[in-house]
Amino acid sequence: MFEIRRLSAKITIQVVLALLAIPYLIPLVQMVVGSLRGTGFGNYEAVWNTGVVPRFFLNSAIVAAGTIAIVYAVTMTAAFGFAKLRIFGKEVYFWLLLAALTLPEVVLLTPLFVTANTLGMYDTLLAVILPLAALQAPFTILLARNFYDGVPTELMEAGRVDGAGVVKVFWHIILPLTRPIAAAIIVLTLLNAWNSYLLPLVMLQSADHQVVTLLPQFFVGEFANDQTKVLASAVIIAIPEVVAYICLQKYFERGLSAGALK
């Protein structure tokens, strides 16, 4: 492991890292401080007294879990096919898939809204889960393919020699090796699904189906704009993902760097 021995170099790196962290910490500190202005923790009590917090959290958990399940299944299988299987024209399909990364979410809202209405999925959590999974899949497939490229092909050949088919090789040999990149994909998908705002705003109408990112709308309206409670709502929304990231941090960082070396 590379180690810095000189004290001056260590101090320089610490100062540089601290300076880089400041622009990210200031908004977070301002959010917490702003949420305590006025009535202090009474702002959090007011948010809880809306009576929708448990339901919104449950809906967000369902959306996040559904999105993670779909993205994980699609990513692991598709990346395996792109990296290890001989498929005619797979590079063309792969670059077409990556072209989807150039499409911003706001451009797709209208066609997604029309499609959800046509299929009878409007105002259901499925109308949010499926588009979120589709929007996440291209990037996660790109990450996973780079990881699969680093897995020795000899492992697959050894499994085939022992009589295992492609499915068994993938399930018993390759998939257990993908835990680092799988952890990174789960964290990224969780953060994006939990923080999604535009899709739930367009696709969900009834209060029973709304998610936590729509919680601040209770304090912003035509004749009201209580920013202290909006900030309190933002803090409450952020707590689960901060906890999730802290718990999965080492797996997340290991997964992002797993495909760097072959």
C-alpha atoms as a PDB file:
ATOM      1  CA  MET A   1       0.000   0.000   0.000  1.00  0.00           C
ATOM      2  CA  PHE A   2       1.291   3.457  -0.899  1.00  0.00           C
ATOM      3  CA  GLU A   3       2.177   5.421   2.249  1.00  0.00           C
ATOM      4  CA  ILE A   4       3.191   9.035   2.709  1.00  0.00           C
ATOM      5  CA  ARG A   5       6.005   9.256   5.245  1.00  0.00           C
ATOM      6  CA  ARG A   6       6.920  12.953   5.363  1.00  0.00           C
ATOM      7  CA  LEU A   7       4.985  14.999   7.909  1.00  0.00           C
ATOM      8  CA  SER A   8       4.817  18.030   5.614  1.00  0.00           C
ATOM      9  CA  ALA A   9       3.228  15.961   2.853  1.00  0.00           C
ATOM     10  CA  LYS A  10       0.656  14.518   5.260  1.00  0.00           C
ATOM     11  CA  ILE A  11      -0.292  17.979   6.519  1.00  0.00           C
ATOM     12  CA  THR A  12      -0.566  19.303   2.957  1.00  0.00           C
ATOM     13  CA  ILE A  13      -2.873  16.484   1.923  1.00  0.00           C
ATOM     14  CA  GLN A  14      -5.060  16.945   4.990  1.00  0.00           C
ATOM     15  CA  VAL A  15      -5.362  20.687   4.336  1.00  0.00           C
ATOM     16  CA  VAL A  16      -6.203  20.122   0.656  1.00  0.00           C
ATOM     17  CA  LEU A  17      -8.828  17.496   1.528  1.00  0.00           C
ATOM     18  CA  ALA A  18     -10.367  19.775   4.151  1.00  0.00           C
ATOM     19  CA  LEU A  19     -10.560  22.650   1.648  1.00  0.00           C
ATOM     20  CA  LEU A  20     -12.190  20.373  -0.928  1.00  0.00           C
ATOM     21  CA  ALA A  21     -14.760  19.217   1.639  1.00  0.00           C
ATOM     22  CA  ILE A  22     -15.803  22.723   2.692  1.00  0.00           C
ATOM     23  CA  PRO A  23     -17.967  23.532  -0.381  1.00  0.00           C
ATOM     24  CA  TYR A  24     -19.934  20.315   0.243  1.00  0.00           C
ATOM     25  CA  LEU A  25     -20.253  20.785   4.001  1.00  0.00           C
ATOM     26  CA  ILE A  26     -21.512  24.378   3.926  1.00  0.00           C
ATOM     27  CA  PRO A  27     -24.909  23.567   2.323  1.00  0.00           C
ATOM     28  CA  LEU A  28     -25.422  20.658   4.725  1.00  0.00           C
ATOM     29  CA  VAL A  29     -24.617  22.791   7.761  1.00  0.00           C
ATOM     30  CA  GLN A  30     -26.860  25.577   6.484  1.00  0.00           C
ATOM     31  CA  MET A  31     -29.677  23.080   5.953  1.00  0.00           C
ATOM     32  CA  VAL A  32     -29.467  21.782   9.533  1.00  0.00           C
ATOM     33  CA  VAL A  33     -29.059  25.258  11.051  1.00  0.00           C
ATOM     34  CA  GLY A  34     -31.925  26.646   8.959  1.00  0.00           C
ATOM     35  CA  SER A  35     -34.200  23.800  10.027  1.00  0.00           C
ATOM     36  CA  LEU A  36     -33.738  24.842  13.686  1.00  0.00           C
ATOM     37  CA  ARG A  37     -34.547  28.518  13.203  1.00  0.00           C
ATOM     38  CA  GLY A  38     -37.722  29.878  14.731  1.00  0.00           C
ATOM     39  CA  THR A  39     -39.275  27.167  16.854  1.00  0.00           C
ATOM     40  CA  GLY A  40     -36.216  24.897  16.852  1.00  0.00           C
ATOM     41  CA  PHE A  41     -37.168  21.218  17.030  1.00  0.00           C
ATOM     42  CA  GLY A  42     -40.777  22.347  16.799  1.00  0.00           C
ATOM     43  CA  ASN A  43     -40.195  22.506  13.032  1.00  0.00           C
ATOM     44  CA  TYR A  44     -39.541  18.761  13.020  1.00  0.00           C
ATOM     45  CA  GLU A  45     -42.600  18.208  15.171  1.00  0.00           C
ATOM     46  CA  ALA A  46     -44.686  20.187  12.674  1.00  0.00           C
ATOM     47  CA  VAL A  47     -43.387  17.992   9.846  1.00  0.00           C
ATOM     48  CA  TRP A  48     -44.272  14.840  11.780  1.00  0.00           C
ATOM     49  CA  ASN A  49     -47.706  16.213  12.646  1.00  0.00           C
ATOM     50  CA  THR A  50     -48.632  16.292   8.965  1.00  0.00           C
ATOM     51  CA  GLY A  51     -49.481  12.615   9.519  1.00  0.00           C
ATOM     52  CA  VAL A  52     -48.021  11.486   6.192  1.00  0.00           C
ATOM     53  CA  VAL A  53     -44.387  10.889   7.118  1.00  0.00           C
ATOM     54  CA  PRO A  54     -44.672   7.114   7.852  1.00  0.00           C
ATOM     55  CA  ARG A  55     -46.696   6.510   4.688  1.00  0.00           C
ATOM     56  CA  PHE A  56     -44.345   8.563   2.525  1.00  0.00           C
ATOM     57  CA  PHE A  57     -41.329   6.752   3.951  1.00  0.00           C
ATOM     58  CA  LEU A  58     -42.939   3.382   3.259  1.00  0.00           C
ATOM     59  CA  ASN A  59     -43.693   4.369  -0.335  1.00  0.00           C
ATOM     60  CA  SER A  60     -40.127   5.582  -0.847  1.00  0.00           C
ATOM     61  CA  ALA A  61     -38.799   2.321   0.614  1.00  0.00           C
ATOM     62  CA  ILE A  62     -40.982   0.324  -1.798  1.00  0.00           C
ATOM     63  CA  VAL A  63     -39.832   2.434  -4.748  1.00  0.00           C
ATOM     64  CA  ALA A  64     -36.180   2.103  -3.743  1.00  0.00           C
ATOM     65  CA  ALA A  65     -36.403  -1.664  -3.136  1.00  0.00           C
ATOM     66  CA  GLY A  66     -38.256  -2.289  -6.402  1.00  0.00           C
ATOM     67  CA  THR A  67     -35.812  -0.161  -8.379  1.00  0.00           C
ATOM     68  CA  ILE A  68     -32.793  -1.844  -6.794  1.00  0.00           C
ATOM     69  CA  ALA A  69     -34.179  -5.341  -7.527  1.00  0.00           C
ATOM     70  CA  ILE A  70     -34.830  -4.567 -11.196  1.00  0.00           C
ATOM     71  CA  VAL A  71     -31.549  -2.721 -11.738  1.00  0.00           C
ATOM     72  CA  TYR A  72     -29.528  -5.457 -10.036  1.00  0.00           C
ATOM     73  CA  ALA A  73     -31.106  -8.279 -12.062  1.00  0.00           C
ATOM     74  CA  VAL A  74     -30.839  -6.430 -15.379  1.00  0.00           C
ATOM     75  CA  THR A  75     -27.335  -5.127 -14.729  1.00  0.00           C
ATOM     76  CA  MET A  76     -25.751  -8.382 -13.636  1.00  0.00           C
ATOM     77  CA  THR A  77     -27.141 -10.407 -16.536  1.00  0.00           C
ATOM     78  CA  ALA A  78     -26.688  -7.764 -19.247  1.00  0.00           C
ATOM     79  CA  ALA A  79     -23.147  -6.878 -18.199  1.00  0.00           C
ATOM     80  CA  PHE A  80     -22.233 -10.568 -18.163  1.00  0.00           C
ATOM     81  CA  GLY A  81     -23.548 -10.972 -21.707  1.00  0.00           C
ATOM     82  CA  PHE A  82     -21.755  -7.878 -22.987  1.00  0.00           C
ATOM     83  CA  ALA A  83     -18.443  -8.819 -21.339  1.00  0.00           C
ATOM     84  CA  LYS A  84     -18.207 -12.603 -21.600  1.00  0.00           C
ATOM     85  CA  LEU A  85     -20.621 -13.999 -24.191  1.00  0.00           C
ATOM     86  CA  ARG A  86     -20.202 -14.088 -27.946  1.00  0.00           C
ATOM     87  CA  ILE A  87     -23.279 -12.270 -29.207  1.00  0.00           C
ATOM     88  CA  PHE A  88     -23.560 -10.959 -32.748  1.00  0.00           C
ATOM     89  CA  GLY A  89     -23.660  -7.160 -32.775  1.00  0.00           C
ATOM     90  CA  LYS A  90     -23.333  -6.837 -29.001  1.00  0.00           C
ATOM     91  CA  GLU A  91     -21.100  -3.763 -29.291  1.00  0.00           C
ATOM     92  CA  VAL A  92     -23.771  -2.006 -31.350  1.00  0.00           C
ATOM     93  CA  TYR A  93     -26.379  -2.842 -28.708  1.00  0.00           C
ATOM     94  CA  PHE A  94     -24.025  -1.693 -25.964  1.00  0.00           C
ATOM     95  CA  TRP A  95     -23.403   1.714 -27.523  1.00  0.00           C
ATOM     96  CA  LEU A  96     -27.105   2.152 -28.227  1.00  0.00           C
ATOM     97  CA  LEU A  97     -27.681   1.463 -24.550  1.00  0.00           C
ATOM     98  CA  LEU A  98     -25.090   4.037 -23.564  1.00  0.00           C
ATOM     99  CA  ALA A  99     -26.757   6.571 -25.860  1.00  0.00           C
ATOM    100  CA  ALA A 100     -29.632   6.570 -23.373  1.00  0.00           C
ATOM    101  CA  LEU A 101     -27.295   8.297 -20.900  1.00  0.00           C
ATOM    102  CA  THR A 102     -27.450  11.428 -23.042  1.00  0.00           C
ATOM    103  CA  LEU A 103     -31.212  11.788 -22.535  1.00  0.00           C
ATOM    104  CA  PRO A 104     -32.103  13.946 -19.512  1.00  0.00           C
ATOM    105  CA  GLU A 105     -34.976  12.802 -17.338  1.00  0.00           C
ATOM    106  CA  VAL A 106     -37.030  15.943 -17.962  1.00  0.00           C
ATOM    107  CA  VAL A 107     -37.147  15.231 -21.717  1.00  0.00           C
ATOM    108  CA  LEU A 108     -38.708  11.820 -21.068  1.00  0.00           C
ATOM    109  CA  LEU A 109     -41.421  12.988 -18.677  1.00  0.00           C
ATOM    110  CA  THR A 110     -44.086  13.591 -21.328  1.00  0.00           C
ATOM    111  CA  PRO A 111     -43.720  10.250 -23.159  1.00  0.00           C
ATOM    112  CA  LEU A 112     -43.489   8.423 -19.847  1.00  0.00           C
ATOM    113  CA  PHE A 113     -46.639  10.155 -18.608  1.00  0.00           C
ATOM    114  CA  VAL A 114     -48.537   9.212 -21.791  1.00  0.00           C
ATOM    115  CA  THR A 115     -47.287   5.616 -21.577  1.00  0.00           C
ATOM    116  CA  ALA A 116     -48.301   5.294 -17.917  1.00  0.00           C
ATOM    117  CA  ASN A 117     -51.777   6.619 -18.709  1.00  0.00           C
ATOM    118  CA  THR A 118     -52.148   4.271 -21.670  1.00  0.00           C
ATOM    119  CA  LEU A 119     -51.118   1.224 -19.634  1.00  0.00           C
ATOM    120  CA  GLY A 120     -53.270   2.204 -16.658  1.00  0.00           C
ATOM    121  CA  MET A 121     -50.285   2.616 -14.338  1.00  0.00           C
ATOM    122  CA  TYR A 122     -50.726   6.316 -13.564  1.00  0.00           C
ATOM    123  CA  ASP A 123     -50.790   7.103  -9.847  1.00  0.00           C
ATOM    124  CA  THR A 124     -49.166   3.797  -8.953  1.00  0.00           C
ATOM    125  CA  LEU A 125     -45.698   3.189  -7.564  1.00  0.00           C
ATOM    126  CA  LEU A 126     -44.962   0.988 -10.570  1.00  0.00           C
ATOM    127  CA  ALA A 127     -45.162   4.081 -12.784  1.00  0.00           C
ATOM    128  CA  VAL A 128     -42.158   5.427 -10.854  1.00  0.00           C
ATOM    129  CA  ILE A 129     -40.215   2.196 -10.300  1.00  0.00           C
ATOM    130  CA  LEU A 130     -40.006   1.087 -13.937  1.00  0.00           C
ATOM    131  CA  PRO A 131     -38.779   4.424 -15.396  1.00  0.00           C
ATOM    132  CA  LEU A 132     -36.295   4.865 -12.543  1.00  0.00           C
ATOM    133  CA  ALA A 133     -34.870   1.397 -13.174  1.00  0.00           C
ATOM    134  CA  ALA A 134     -34.660   2.057 -16.918  1.00  0.00           C
ATOM    135  CA  LEU A 135     -32.858   5.351 -16.352  1.00  0.00           C
ATOM    136  CA  GLN A 136     -30.353   3.771 -13.954  1.00  0.00           C
ATOM    137  CA  ALA A 137     -29.582   0.621 -15.944  1.00  0.00           C
ATOM    138  CA  PRO A 138     -27.299   2.047 -18.692  1.00  0.00           C
ATOM    139  CA  PHE A 139     -24.821   3.542 -16.229  1.00  0.00           C
ATOM    140  CA  THR A 140     -24.802   0.535 -13.895  1.00  0.00           C
ATOM    141  CA  ILE A 141     -24.331  -1.825 -16.855  1.00  0.00           C
ATOM    142  CA  LEU A 142     -21.315   0.242 -17.902  1.00  0.00           C
ATOM    143  CA  LEU A 143     -19.832  -0.081 -14.399  1.00  0.00           C
ATOM    144  CA  ALA A 144     -20.557  -3.799 -14.153  1.00  0.00           C
ATOM    145  CA  ARG A 145     -19.179  -4.564 -17.613  1.00  0.00           C
ATOM    146  CA  ASN A 146     -15.844  -2.995 -16.684  1.00  0.00           C
ATOM    147  CA  PHE A 147     -15.822  -5.219 -13.603  1.00  0.00           C
ATOM    148  CA  TYR A 148     -16.705  -8.367 -15.566  1.00  0.00           C
ATOM    149  CA  ASP A 149     -13.879  -7.618 -18.014  1.00  0.00           C
ATOM    150  CA  GLY A 150     -11.484  -8.058 -15.105  1.00  0.00           C
ATOM    151  CA  VAL A 151     -12.814 -11.517 -14.220  1.00  0.00           C
ATOM    152  CA  PRO A 152     -10.537 -14.186 -15.771  1.00  0.00           C
ATOM    153  CA  THR A 153     -12.194 -16.040 -18.624  1.00  0.00           C
ATOM    154  CA  GLU A 154     -10.328 -19.149 -17.460  1.00  0.00           C
ATOM    155  CA  LEU A 155     -12.847 -19.466 -14.610  1.00  0.00           C
ATOM    156  CA  MET A 156     -15.652 -19.850 -17.117  1.00  0.00           C
ATOM    157  CA  GLU A 157     -13.674 -22.308 -19.187  1.00  0.00           C
ATOM    158  CA  ALA A 158     -12.936 -24.392 -16.093  1.00  0.00           C
ATOM    159  CA  GLY A 159     -16.632 -24.518 -15.298  1.00  0.00           C
ATOM    160  CA  ARG A 160     -17.498 -25.520 -18.847  1.00  0.00           C
ATOM    161  CA  VAL A 161     -14.900 -28.305 -18.704  1.00  0.00           C
ATOM    162  CA  ASP A 162     -16.625 -29.628 -15.573  1.00  0.00           C
ATOM    163  CA  GLY A 163     -19.894 -29.797 -17.496  1.00  0.00           C
ATOM    164  CA  ALA A 164     -21.577 -26.607 -16.309  1.00  0.00           C
ATOM    165  CA  GLY A 165     -23.671 -24.605 -18.754  1.00  0.00           C
ATOM    166  CA  VAL A 166     -23.647 -20.841 -19.167  1.00  0.00           C
ATOM    167  CA  VAL A 167     -26.385 -20.357 -16.568  1.00  0.00           C
ATOM    168  CA  LYS A 168     -24.618 -22.468 -13.938  1.00  0.00           C
ATOM    169  CA  VAL A 169     -21.281 -20.788 -14.660  1.00  0.00           C
ATOM    170  CA  PHE A 170     -22.877 -17.388 -14.215  1.00  0.00           C
ATOM    171  CA  TRP A 171     -24.828 -18.317 -11.076  1.00  0.00           C
ATOM    172  CA  HIS A 172     -22.235 -20.385  -9.209  1.00  0.00           C
ATOM    173  CA  ILE A 173     -18.896 -18.964 -10.411  1.00  0.00           C
ATOM    174  CA  ILE A 174     -19.236 -15.429 -11.757  1.00  0.00           C
ATOM    175  CA  LEU A 175     -22.059 -13.944  -9.678  1.00  0.00           C
ATOM    176  CA  PRO A 176     -20.418 -14.612  -6.264  1.00  0.00           C
ATOM    177  CA  LEU A 177     -17.404 -12.594  -7.467  1.00  0.00           C
ATOM    178  CA  THR A 178     -19.522  -9.521  -8.220  1.00  0.00           C
ATOM    179  CA  ARG A 179     -20.278  -8.535  -4.617  1.00  0.00           C
ATOM    180  CA  PRO A 180     -18.033  -5.431  -4.618  1.00  0.00           C
ATOM    181  CA  ILE A 181     -19.565  -3.915  -7.757  1.00  0.00           C
ATOM    182  CA  ALA A 182     -23.035  -5.079  -6.674  1.00  0.00           C
ATOM    183  CA  ALA A 183     -22.668  -3.095  -3.428  1.00  0.00           C
ATOM    184  CA  ALA A 184     -21.702   0.029  -5.381  1.00  0.00           C
ATOM    185  CA  ILE A 185     -24.658  -0.414  -7.730  1.00  0.00           C
ATOM    186  CA  ILE A 186     -27.070  -0.898  -4.818  1.00  0.00           C
ATOM    187  CA  VAL A 187     -25.860   2.287  -3.089  1.00  0.00           C
ATOM    188  CA  LEU A 188     -26.004   4.374  -6.274  1.00  0.00           C
ATOM    189  CA  THR A 189     -29.460   3.079  -7.149  1.00  0.00           C
ATOM    190  CA  LEU A 190     -30.712   3.625  -3.604  1.00  0.00           C
ATOM    191  CA  LEU A 191     -29.557   7.248  -3.582  1.00  0.00           C
ATOM    192  CA  ASN A 192     -31.049   8.019  -6.978  1.00  0.00           C
ATOM    193  CA  ALA A 193     -34.347   6.269  -6.253  1.00  0.00           C
ATOM    194  CA  TRP A 194     -34.734   7.841  -2.808  1.00  0.00           C
ATOM    195  CA  ASN A 195     -33.940  11.338  -4.116  1.00  0.00           C
ATOM    196  CA  SER A 196     -36.127  11.118  -7.214  1.00  0.00           C
ATOM    197  CA  TYR A 197     -38.423  14.126  -7.441  1.00  0.00           C
ATOM    198  CA  LEU A 198     -39.641  14.820 -10.993  1.00  0.00           C
ATOM    199  CA  LEU A 199     -41.027  11.348 -11.723  1.00  0.00           C
ATOM    200  CA  PRO A 200     -43.027  11.042  -8.458  1.00  0.00           C
ATOM    201  CA  LEU A 201     -44.260  14.617  -8.887  1.00  0.00           C
ATOM    202  CA  VAL A 202     -45.640  13.828 -12.357  1.00  0.00           C
ATOM    203  CA  MET A 203     -46.711  10.210 -11.894  1.00  0.00           C
ATOM    204  CA  LEU A 204     -48.217  10.248  -8.390  1.00  0.00           C
ATOM    205  CA  GLN A 205     -51.355  12.156  -7.474  1.00  0.00           C
ATOM    206  CA  SER A 206     -53.029  10.672  -4.412  1.00  0.00           C
ATOM    207  CA  ALA A 207     -51.471  11.202  -0.968  1.00  0.00           C
ATOM    208  CA  ASP A 208     -51.421   7.444  -0.332  1.00  0.00           C
ATOM    209  CA  HIS A 209     -48.900   6.924  -3.150  1.00  0.00           C
ATOM    210  CA  GLN A 210     -46.570   9.908  -2.725  1.00  0.00           C
ATOM    211  CA  VAL A 211     -42.964   9.664  -1.562  1.00  0.00           C
ATOM    212  CA  VAL A 212     -40.722  11.537   0.889  1.00  0.00           C
ATOM    213  CA  THR A 213     -39.245  13.931  -1.678  1.00  0.00           C
ATOM    214  CA  LEU A 214     -42.738  15.445  -2.012  1.00  0.00           C
ATOM    215  CA  LEU A 215     -42.951  16.114   1.730  1.00  0.00           C
ATOM    216  CA  PRO A 216     -41.807  19.788   1.513  1.00  0.00           C
ATOM    217  CA  GLN A 217     -44.823  20.624  -0.670  1.00  0.00           C
ATOM    218  CA  PHE A 218     -46.951  20.712   2.503  1.00  0.00           C
ATOM    219  CA  PHE A 219     -45.183  23.929   3.498  1.00  0.00           C
ATOM    220  CA  VAL A 220     -44.944  25.675   0.123  1.00  0.00           C
ATOM    221  CA  GLY A 221     -47.994  27.048  -1.616  1.00  0.00           C
ATOM    222  CA  GLU A 222     -49.582  30.110  -3.160  1.00  0.00           C
ATOM    223  CA  PHE A 223     -49.973  31.869   0.193  1.00  0.00           C
ATOM    224  CA  ALA A 224     -47.347  30.064   2.285  1.00  0.00           C
ATOM    225  CA  ASN A 225     -43.606  29.481   2.095  1.00  0.00           C
ATOM    226  CA  ASP A 226     -42.254  28.204   5.418  1.00  0.00           C
ATOM    227  CA  GLN A 227     -38.618  27.503   4.599  1.00  0.00           C
ATOM    228  CA  THR A 228     -37.722  26.368   8.120  1.00  0.00           C
ATOM    229  CA  LYS A 229     -40.121  23.442   7.841  1.00  0.00           C
ATOM    230  CA  VAL A 230     -39.000  22.784   4.264  1.00  0.00           C
ATOM    231  CA  LEU A 231     -35.424  22.456   5.553  1.00  0.00           C
ATOM    232  CA  ALA A 232     -36.612  20.256   8.434  1.00  0.00           C
ATOM    233  CA  SER A 233     -38.295  18.029   5.856  1.00  0.00           C
ATOM    234  CA  ALA A 234     -35.055  17.896   3.869  1.00  0.00           C
ATOM    235  CA  VAL A 235     -33.098  16.795   6.937  1.00  0.00           C
ATOM    236  CA  ILE A 236     -35.635  14.055   7.690  1.00  0.00           C
ATOM    237  CA  ILE A 237     -35.506  12.886   4.062  1.00  0.00           C
ATOM    238  CA  ALA A 238     -31.701  12.732   4.117  1.00  0.00           C
ATOM    239  CA  ILE A 239     -31.307  10.712   7.321  1.00  0.00           C
ATOM    240  CA  PRO A 240     -32.008   7.199   5.872  1.00  0.00           C
ATOM    241  CA  GLU A 241     -29.646   7.597   2.909  1.00  0.00           C
ATOM    242  CA  VAL A 242     -26.877   9.030   5.122  1.00  0.00           C
ATOM    243  CA  VAL A 243     -27.208   6.025   7.427  1.00  0.00           C
ATOM    244  CA  ALA A 244     -27.267   3.634   4.463  1.00  0.00           C
ATOM    245  CA  TYR A 245     -24.156   5.209   2.954  1.00  0.00           C
ATOM    246  CA  ILE A 246     -22.249   5.093   6.257  1.00  0.00           C
ATOM    247  CA  CYS A 247     -23.117   1.399   6.687  1.00  0.00           C
ATOM    248  CA  LEU A 248     -22.156   0.502   3.092  1.00  0.00           C
ATOM    249  CA  GLN A 249     -19.326   2.987   2.582  1.00  0.00           C
ATOM    250  CA  LYS A 250     -16.449   0.504   2.458  1.00  0.00           C
ATOM    251  CA  TYR A 251     -18.337  -1.761   0.032  1.00  0.00           C
ATOM    252  CA  PHE A 252     -19.301   1.216  -2.121  1.00  0.00           C
ATOM    253  CA  GLU A 253     -15.726   2.500  -2.429  1.00  0.00           C
ATOM    254  CA  ARG A 254     -14.373  -1.001  -3.011  1.00  0.00           C
ATOM    255  CA  GLY A 255     -16.947  -1.590  -5.742  1.00  0.00           C
ATOM    256  CA  LEU A 256     -16.193   1.633  -7.600  1.00  0.00           C
ATOM    257  CA  SER A 257     -12.485   0.793  -7.690  1.00  0.00           C
ATOM    258  CA  ALA A 258     -12.943  -2.935  -8.339  1.00  0.00           C
ATOM    259  CA  GLY A 259     -12.938  -2.619 -12.119  1.00  0.00           C
ATOM    260  CA  ALA A 260      -9.989  -0.238 -12.252  1.00  0.00           C
ATOM    261  CA  LEU A 261      -7.395  -3.021 -12.444  1.00  0.00           C
ATOM    262  CA  LYS A 262      -7.493  -6.149 -14.561  1.00  0.00           C
END
